[in-house]
Amino acid sequence: MDPHPTSPRTELDLRTEQDLARHLKICRRQLYNWRMSGLVPYFKLGKAVRFRAADVASAIERMRIG
């Protein structure tokens, strides 16, 4: 048995568009463009859009050139 089970909250680590854009130091429009072009994965929860931090980090790594 795992002595330190991960809670669903830390496993998902969902972020809002505004929070993620601030964290990445990009404008929300850039994040929107990445989302619409399929570069970053996202969740749609009703009308709310959320991003999993680990998925976005992987997506940004794939964008790296060189």
C-alpha atoms as a PDB file:
ATOM      1  CA  MET A   1       0.000   0.000   0.000  1.00  0.00           C
ATOM      2  CA  ASP A   2       1.269   3.458  -0.915  1.00  0.00           C
ATOM      3  CA  PRO A   3       2.184   5.380   2.253  1.00  0.00           C
ATOM      4  CA  HIS A   4       1.662   8.716   0.463  1.00  0.00           C
ATOM      5  CA  PRO A   5      -1.427   8.443  -1.715  1.00  0.00           C
ATOM      6  CA  THR A   6      -1.873  11.314  -4.131  1.00  0.00           C
ATOM      7  CA  SER A   7      -5.115  13.158  -3.802  1.00  0.00           C
ATOM      8  CA  PRO A   8      -7.150  13.829  -6.950  1.00  0.00           C
ATOM      9  CA  ARG A   9      -6.474  17.540  -6.478  1.00  0.00           C
ATOM     10  CA  THR A  10      -2.680  17.224  -6.687  1.00  0.00           C
ATOM     11  CA  GLU A  11      -2.871  14.578  -9.392  1.00  0.00           C
ATOM     12  CA  LEU A  12      -4.876  16.809 -11.725  1.00  0.00           C
ATOM     13  CA  ASP A  13      -3.510  20.225 -10.704  1.00  0.00           C
ATOM     14  CA  LEU A  14      -6.009  22.003 -12.954  1.00  0.00           C
ATOM     15  CA  ARG A  15      -5.357  25.642 -13.719  1.00  0.00           C
ATOM     16  CA  THR A  16      -7.506  28.371 -15.174  1.00  0.00           C
ATOM     17  CA  GLU A  17      -6.569  30.107 -18.397  1.00  0.00           C
ATOM     18  CA  GLN A  18      -5.707  33.306 -16.556  1.00  0.00           C
ATOM     19  CA  ASP A  19      -3.602  31.526 -13.933  1.00  0.00           C
ATOM     20  CA  LEU A  20      -1.707  29.471 -16.499  1.00  0.00           C
ATOM     21  CA  ALA A  21      -1.036  32.461 -18.768  1.00  0.00           C
ATOM     22  CA  ARG A  22       0.319  34.403 -15.791  1.00  0.00           C
ATOM     23  CA  HIS A  23       2.492  31.422 -14.782  1.00  0.00           C
ATOM     24  CA  LEU A  24       3.878  31.034 -18.320  1.00  0.00           C
ATOM     25  CA  LYS A  25       4.294  34.818 -18.686  1.00  0.00           C
ATOM     26  CA  ILE A  26       2.288  34.907 -21.909  1.00  0.00           C
ATOM     27  CA  CYS A  27      -0.932  36.709 -22.775  1.00  0.00           C
ATOM     28  CA  ARG A  28      -4.228  34.853 -22.559  1.00  0.00           C
ATOM     29  CA  ARG A  29      -4.716  35.292 -26.308  1.00  0.00           C
ATOM     30  CA  GLN A  30      -1.519  33.309 -27.004  1.00  0.00           C
ATOM     31  CA  LEU A  31      -2.713  30.505 -24.759  1.00  0.00           C
ATOM     32  CA  TYR A  32      -6.077  30.592 -26.539  1.00  0.00           C
ATOM     33  CA  ASN A  33      -4.327  30.343 -29.920  1.00  0.00           C
ATOM     34  CA  TRP A  34      -2.289  27.350 -28.741  1.00  0.00           C
ATOM     35  CA  ARG A  35      -5.450  25.699 -27.458  1.00  0.00           C
ATOM     36  CA  MET A  36      -7.403  26.296 -30.676  1.00  0.00           C
ATOM     37  CA  SER A  37      -4.551  24.997 -32.839  1.00  0.00           C
ATOM     38  CA  GLY A  38      -4.298  21.842 -30.726  1.00  0.00           C
ATOM     39  CA  LEU A  39      -0.839  22.550 -29.344  1.00  0.00           C
ATOM     40  CA  VAL A  40      -1.880  22.333 -25.683  1.00  0.00           C
ATOM     41  CA  PRO A  41      -4.464  19.920 -24.278  1.00  0.00           C
ATOM     42  CA  TYR A  42      -7.294  21.213 -22.114  1.00  0.00           C
ATOM     43  CA  PHE A  43     -10.452  20.194 -20.294  1.00  0.00           C
ATOM     44  CA  LYS A  44     -13.845  21.695 -20.890  1.00  0.00           C
ATOM     45  CA  LEU A  45     -15.913  21.597 -17.684  1.00  0.00           C
ATOM     46  CA  GLY A  46     -19.226  23.127 -18.638  1.00  0.00           C
ATOM     47  CA  LYS A  47     -18.227  26.553 -19.918  1.00  0.00           C
ATOM     48  CA  ALA A  48     -14.982  26.558 -17.944  1.00  0.00           C
ATOM     49  CA  VAL A  49     -11.669  25.740 -19.600  1.00  0.00           C
ATOM     50  CA  ARG A  50      -8.982  24.145 -17.440  1.00  0.00           C
ATOM     51  CA  PHE A  51      -5.457  22.953 -18.131  1.00  0.00           C
ATOM     52  CA  ARG A  52      -3.448  20.220 -16.426  1.00  0.00           C
ATOM     53  CA  ALA A  53      -0.049  21.678 -15.578  1.00  0.00           C
ATOM     54  CA  ALA A  54       1.882  18.492 -16.423  1.00  0.00           C
ATOM     55  CA  ASP A  55       0.208  18.196 -19.858  1.00  0.00           C
ATOM     56  CA  VAL A  56       0.976  21.813 -20.715  1.00  0.00           C
ATOM     57  CA  ALA A  57       4.603  21.403 -19.631  1.00  0.00           C
ATOM     58  CA  SER A  58       4.929  18.382 -21.949  1.00  0.00           C
ATOM     59  CA  ALA A  59       3.283  20.285 -24.808  1.00  0.00           C
ATOM     60  CA  ILE A  60       5.656  23.221 -24.385  1.00  0.00           C
ATOM     61  CA  GLU A  61       8.609  20.844 -24.346  1.00  0.00           C
ATOM     62  CA  ARG A  62       7.426  19.425 -27.710  1.00  0.00           C
ATOM     63  CA  MET A  63       7.414  22.996 -29.119  1.00  0.00           C
ATOM     64  CA  ARG A  64      11.087  23.433 -28.306  1.00  0.00           C
ATOM     65  CA  ILE A  65      13.372  23.860 -31.288  1.00  0.00           C
ATOM     66  CA  GLY A  66      16.927  22.626 -31.063  1.00  0.00           C
END
